[in-house]
Amino acid sequence: MNHETPYIGKGCLRDDPNLNECVVRKGAPVIERLVKGDPKYRIPKLDPLVIPELTIKQGTKQVGLTMSCKNCELHGLKETRFVKARVDEKKRHVEWDFELDQCMFLGQYSVSGQVLILPIKGEGDANITVNGITFTYLYDYDLIKRANERDYVDITKSELKFNANGMKLKLDNLFNGDKLLGDNMNLFLNENWRDLLKEFGPAIGDALGTIMKNTLGSVSDLVPYDYIFPTKSEFLSDGLFPSVKPYQ
């Protein structure tokens, strides 16, 4: 089977004075392609992304609840924009900035606890829509030489910083279907979305961070480092890149 990566291209010269700009220019179409999934690189379709169970457990002055979303579908990642990069090839540290106008979580929820001193309980259909998203994925890496004598990226540390400027929730069947209580609670939740986002934001960030790490890990585990960041001599070599195949 041919495992070449034509949509990844030749990568960026590791000593390019405009390396950050090159990474965004060449990385943006790659991310757009990877969101569609690529079984050759063990990357599932990411939009919608099915999360078997997303659990949020919070215990603060504002929110004290346990909420889970089973078979939760995350919609909207295909619209993610790769806007900025900061690459320190010598220190092996990378930061990527992304923007996303909106993403939506759909699934079966269950919740119990309290929100701003009000009790909340229920289970049913959930729609959690987050707007105006910005996130930064940071990671450190080492290089590991494989049996084929080529270096591959090994992610040693990663973090995702997440922010958003809006969130809307719709939780059906709260309080065993009591429409008055359910409607009022949904209204209350949406009026206090800023406080809720402070609590839910880290859980959403963790979910996005896992997606980023798994996707990056799948590619970097299979594609040699000199394909992603070649030296000048490697970049000019026509023979290097057409023959590159994932490490087996």
Protein backbone atom coordinates (compact mmCIF):
# COMPACT_ATOMS: atom_id res chain seq x y z
CA MET A 1 0.00 0.00 0.00
CA ASN A 2 1.24 3.48 -0.85
CA HIS A 3 1.49 5.51 2.36
CA GLU A 4 2.92 8.73 0.96
CA THR A 5 1.54 11.98 2.36
CA PRO A 6 1.03 14.33 -0.61
CA TYR A 7 -1.12 16.75 1.41
CA ILE A 8 1.62 17.20 4.03
CA GLY A 9 4.15 18.40 1.47
CA LYS A 10 7.84 18.93 2.05
CA GLY A 11 7.45 20.68 5.39
CA CYS A 12 9.37 23.80 6.42
CA LEU A 13 13.11 24.33 6.53
CA ARG A 14 14.15 24.10 10.16
CA ASP A 15 16.39 27.20 9.82
CA ASP A 16 13.85 29.23 7.81
CA PRO A 17 13.86 32.81 9.22
CA ASN A 18 10.09 32.83 8.59
CA LEU A 19 9.54 29.38 10.06
CA ASN A 20 6.41 30.35 12.03
CA GLU A 21 4.70 31.76 8.95
CA CYS A 22 5.68 28.69 6.93
CA VAL A 23 4.21 26.35 9.55
CA VAL A 24 0.83 28.12 9.38
CA ARG A 25 0.87 28.33 5.57
CA LYS A 26 1.63 24.64 5.13
CA GLY A 27 -0.07 23.39 8.28
CA ALA A 28 -3.52 24.93 7.69
CA PRO A 29 -4.45 22.73 4.69
CA VAL A 30 -3.00 19.67 6.45
CA ILE A 31 -5.25 20.23 9.47
CA GLU A 32 -8.23 20.75 7.19
CA ARG A 33 -7.46 17.42 5.54
CA LEU A 34 -6.80 15.50 8.77
CA VAL A 35 -10.15 16.55 10.26
CA LYS A 36 -11.76 14.37 7.58
CA GLY A 37 -9.86 11.41 9.02
CA ASP A 38 -7.10 9.29 7.53
CA PRO A 39 -7.05 5.57 8.40
CA LYS A 40 -3.47 5.25 7.11
CA TYR A 41 -2.38 7.43 10.02
CA ARG A 42 -4.84 6.01 12.56
CA ILE A 43 -6.82 9.28 12.61
CA PRO A 44 -10.61 8.92 12.88
CA LYS A 45 -13.07 11.35 11.36
CA LEU A 46 -13.04 14.33 13.70
CA ASP A 47 -16.26 16.06 12.65
CA PRO A 48 -18.46 14.91 14.17
CA LEU A 49 -16.23 13.32 16.77
CA VAL A 50 -17.97 10.75 18.97
CA ILE A 51 -16.87 10.87 22.61
CA PRO A 52 -18.16 7.75 24.42
CA GLU A 53 -18.49 9.66 27.67
CA LEU A 54 -17.58 13.21 28.66
CA THR A 55 -17.73 13.75 32.42
CA ILE A 56 -17.60 17.05 34.27
CA LYS A 57 -17.17 17.01 38.04
CA GLN A 58 -17.04 20.40 39.68
CA GLY A 59 -17.06 21.41 43.32
CA THR A 60 -16.70 25.16 43.75
CA LYS A 61 -18.69 27.97 45.38
CA GLN A 62 -20.52 28.61 42.10
CA VAL A 63 -21.02 25.08 40.79
CA GLY A 64 -21.16 21.77 42.62
CA LEU A 65 -22.36 19.12 40.24
CA THR A 66 -21.61 15.96 38.33
CA MET A 67 -22.58 15.98 34.66
CA SER A 68 -21.91 13.36 32.03
CA CYS A 69 -22.69 13.25 28.34
CA LYS A 70 -22.79 9.74 26.85
CA ASN A 71 -22.19 9.12 23.15
CA CYS A 72 -21.50 12.83 22.95
CA GLU A 73 -20.97 14.16 19.43
CA LEU A 74 -18.67 17.14 18.97
CA HIS A 75 -19.62 19.08 15.83
CA GLY A 76 -17.77 21.97 14.19
CA LEU A 77 -14.06 21.09 14.30
CA LYS A 78 -13.86 21.16 10.50
CA GLU A 79 -14.18 24.95 10.70
CA THR A 80 -11.08 25.31 12.91
CA ARG A 81 -8.63 27.94 11.64
CA PHE A 82 -4.88 27.63 12.26
CA VAL A 83 -3.89 31.27 12.73
CA LYS A 84 -0.45 31.47 14.34
CA ALA A 85 2.54 29.33 15.29
CA ARG A 86 5.60 29.76 17.47
CA VAL A 87 8.24 27.11 16.89
CA ASP A 88 11.52 26.88 18.76
CA GLU A 89 13.21 24.04 16.93
CA LYS A 90 16.34 24.21 19.08
CA LYS A 91 14.45 24.06 22.38
CA ARG A 92 11.97 21.63 20.83
CA HIS A 93 8.98 23.66 21.96
CA VAL A 94 5.94 24.48 19.81
CA GLU A 95 2.84 26.63 20.29
CA TRP A 96 -0.10 26.70 17.86
CA ASP A 97 -3.01 29.18 17.99
CA PHE A 98 -6.44 28.28 16.62
CA GLU A 99 -9.80 29.98 16.20
CA LEU A 100 -13.22 28.40 15.90
CA ASP A 101 -16.47 30.35 15.60
CA GLN A 102 -18.63 27.63 17.10
CA CYS A 103 -18.66 24.02 18.25
CA MET A 104 -21.58 22.00 19.51
CA PHE A 105 -21.85 19.03 21.88
CA LEU A 106 -24.89 16.78 21.36
CA GLY A 107 -25.69 13.69 23.40
CA GLN A 108 -27.47 12.08 26.32
CA TYR A 109 -26.73 13.89 29.57
CA SER A 110 -27.28 13.17 33.23
CA VAL A 111 -26.75 15.81 35.89
CA SER A 112 -27.14 16.20 39.64
CA GLY A 113 -25.95 18.79 42.10
CA GLN A 114 -26.35 22.53 42.34
CA VAL A 115 -25.70 25.62 40.23
CA LEU A 116 -25.26 28.91 42.09
CA ILE A 117 -27.09 27.44 45.16
CA LEU A 118 -30.00 26.13 43.04
CA PRO A 119 -30.48 22.35 42.90
CA ILE A 120 -30.36 20.71 39.48
CA LYS A 121 -31.23 17.16 38.47
CA GLY A 122 -32.20 15.43 35.24
CA GLU A 123 -31.29 13.29 32.27
CA GLY A 124 -32.13 13.50 28.59
CA ASP A 125 -30.97 15.23 25.40
CA ALA A 126 -28.29 17.89 25.70
CA ASN A 127 -27.16 20.61 23.34
CA ILE A 128 -24.18 22.66 24.53
CA THR A 129 -23.03 25.24 22.00
CA VAL A 130 -19.81 27.19 22.57
CA ASN A 131 -19.07 30.34 20.55
CA GLY A 132 -16.06 32.52 19.78
CA ILE A 133 -13.48 29.90 20.66
CA THR A 134 -9.74 30.50 20.77
CA PHE A 135 -7.30 27.87 21.92
CA THR A 136 -3.56 27.38 22.02
CA TYR A 137 -1.93 23.96 21.90
CA LEU A 138 1.57 23.85 23.42
CA TYR A 139 3.89 20.89 23.38
CA ASP A 140 7.49 19.86 24.00
CA TYR A 141 9.12 17.01 22.17
CA ASP A 142 12.21 14.84 21.89
CA LEU A 143 13.55 13.01 18.86
CA ILE A 144 13.78 9.24 18.88
CA LYS A 145 15.81 7.32 16.32
CA ARG A 146 14.02 4.27 14.98
CA ALA A 147 15.37 1.08 13.45
CA ASN A 148 15.27 2.71 10.01
CA GLU A 149 17.88 5.25 11.27
CA ARG A 150 15.45 8.18 10.99
CA ASP A 151 14.34 10.52 13.77
CA TYR A 152 10.70 10.71 14.88
CA VAL A 153 8.94 13.15 17.20
CA ASP A 154 8.04 11.96 20.69
CA ILE A 155 5.71 14.36 22.54
CA THR A 156 6.95 14.70 26.12
CA LYS A 157 4.58 17.36 27.45
CA SER A 158 1.47 19.06 26.11
CA GLU A 159 -1.18 21.52 27.25
CA LEU A 160 -4.21 23.18 25.70
CA LYS A 161 -5.33 26.65 26.81
CA PHE A 162 -8.99 27.24 25.99
CA ASN A 163 -11.19 30.35 25.96
CA ALA A 164 -14.57 31.31 24.53
CA ASN A 165 -16.84 34.35 24.53
CA GLY A 166 -20.21 32.61 24.71
CA MET A 167 -22.02 29.40 25.62
CA LYS A 168 -25.64 28.26 25.28
CA LEU A 169 -27.10 25.20 26.97
CA LYS A 170 -30.31 23.31 26.35
CA LEU A 171 -30.94 20.40 28.70
CA ASP A 172 -34.19 18.55 28.00
CA ASN A 173 -36.17 16.66 30.64
CA LEU A 174 -34.78 18.40 33.69
CA PHE A 175 -36.57 17.60 36.97
CA ASN A 176 -38.28 14.53 35.47
CA GLY A 177 -39.83 16.55 32.67
CA ASP A 178 -41.31 19.36 34.79
CA LYS A 179 -41.56 22.00 32.05
CA LEU A 180 -41.79 25.02 34.33
CA LEU A 181 -38.79 24.04 36.44
CA GLY A 182 -36.86 22.84 33.38
CA ASP A 183 -37.47 26.00 31.35
CA ASN A 184 -36.54 28.22 34.28
CA MET A 185 -33.36 26.26 34.95
CA ASN A 186 -32.32 26.46 31.28
CA LEU A 187 -33.00 30.20 31.33
CA PHE A 188 -30.97 30.53 34.52
CA LEU A 189 -28.09 28.48 33.10
CA ASN A 190 -27.91 30.64 29.98
CA GLU A 191 -28.12 33.89 31.92
CA ASN A 192 -25.12 32.73 33.97
CA TRP A 193 -23.10 31.20 31.14
CA ARG A 194 -19.95 33.11 32.10
CA ASP A 195 -19.80 31.43 35.52
CA LEU A 196 -20.57 28.04 33.99
CA LEU A 197 -17.96 28.43 31.27
CA LYS A 198 -15.31 28.97 33.95
CA GLU A 199 -16.20 25.52 35.27
CA PHE A 200 -16.91 23.74 31.97
CA GLY A 201 -14.06 25.35 30.04
CA PRO A 202 -11.28 23.14 31.45
CA ALA A 203 -13.25 19.97 30.63
CA ILE A 204 -13.84 21.16 27.07
CA GLY A 205 -10.18 22.13 26.84
CA ASP A 206 -9.14 18.68 28.02
CA ALA A 207 -11.30 17.07 25.33
CA LEU A 208 -9.78 19.28 22.61
CA GLY A 209 -6.29 18.72 24.02
CA THR A 210 -6.73 14.96 23.82
CA ILE A 211 -7.85 15.26 20.21
CA MET A 212 -4.84 17.43 19.36
CA LYS A 213 -2.34 15.16 21.11
CA ASN A 214 -3.74 11.98 19.57
CA THR A 215 -3.83 13.47 16.07
CA LEU A 216 -0.35 14.98 16.29
CA GLY A 217 0.97 11.80 17.88
CA SER A 218 -0.44 9.64 15.09
CA VAL A 219 1.23 11.72 12.39
CA SER A 220 4.55 12.32 14.16
CA ASP A 221 4.82 8.65 15.08
CA LEU A 222 4.65 7.68 11.42
CA VAL A 223 6.28 10.57 9.54
CA PRO A 224 10.05 11.20 9.97
CA TYR A 225 11.18 14.49 11.47
CA ASP A 226 13.28 15.34 8.42
CA TYR A 227 10.07 15.27 6.39
CA ILE A 228 8.37 17.79 8.69
CA PHE A 229 11.42 20.03 9.30
CA PRO A 230 14.06 19.19 6.68
CA THR A 231 17.51 20.71 6.46
CA LYS A 232 18.27 22.72 3.32
CA SER A 233 20.07 19.82 1.65
CA GLU A 234 17.17 17.47 2.45
CA PHE A 235 14.64 20.02 1.23
CA LEU A 236 16.41 20.35 -2.12
CA SER A 237 16.73 16.61 -2.54
CA ASP A 238 14.06 15.32 -4.91
CA GLY A 239 14.83 11.78 -3.86
CA LEU A 240 14.02 12.15 -0.15
CA PHE A 241 10.38 13.07 -0.14
CA PRO A 242 8.69 10.94 -2.80
CA SER A 243 10.00 7.83 -1.05
CA VAL A 244 8.94 8.79 2.47
CA LYS A 245 6.57 6.26 3.97
CA PRO A 246 5.26 5.89 7.51
CA TYR A 247 7.45 3.95 9.87
CA GLN A 248 6.24 0.36 10.15
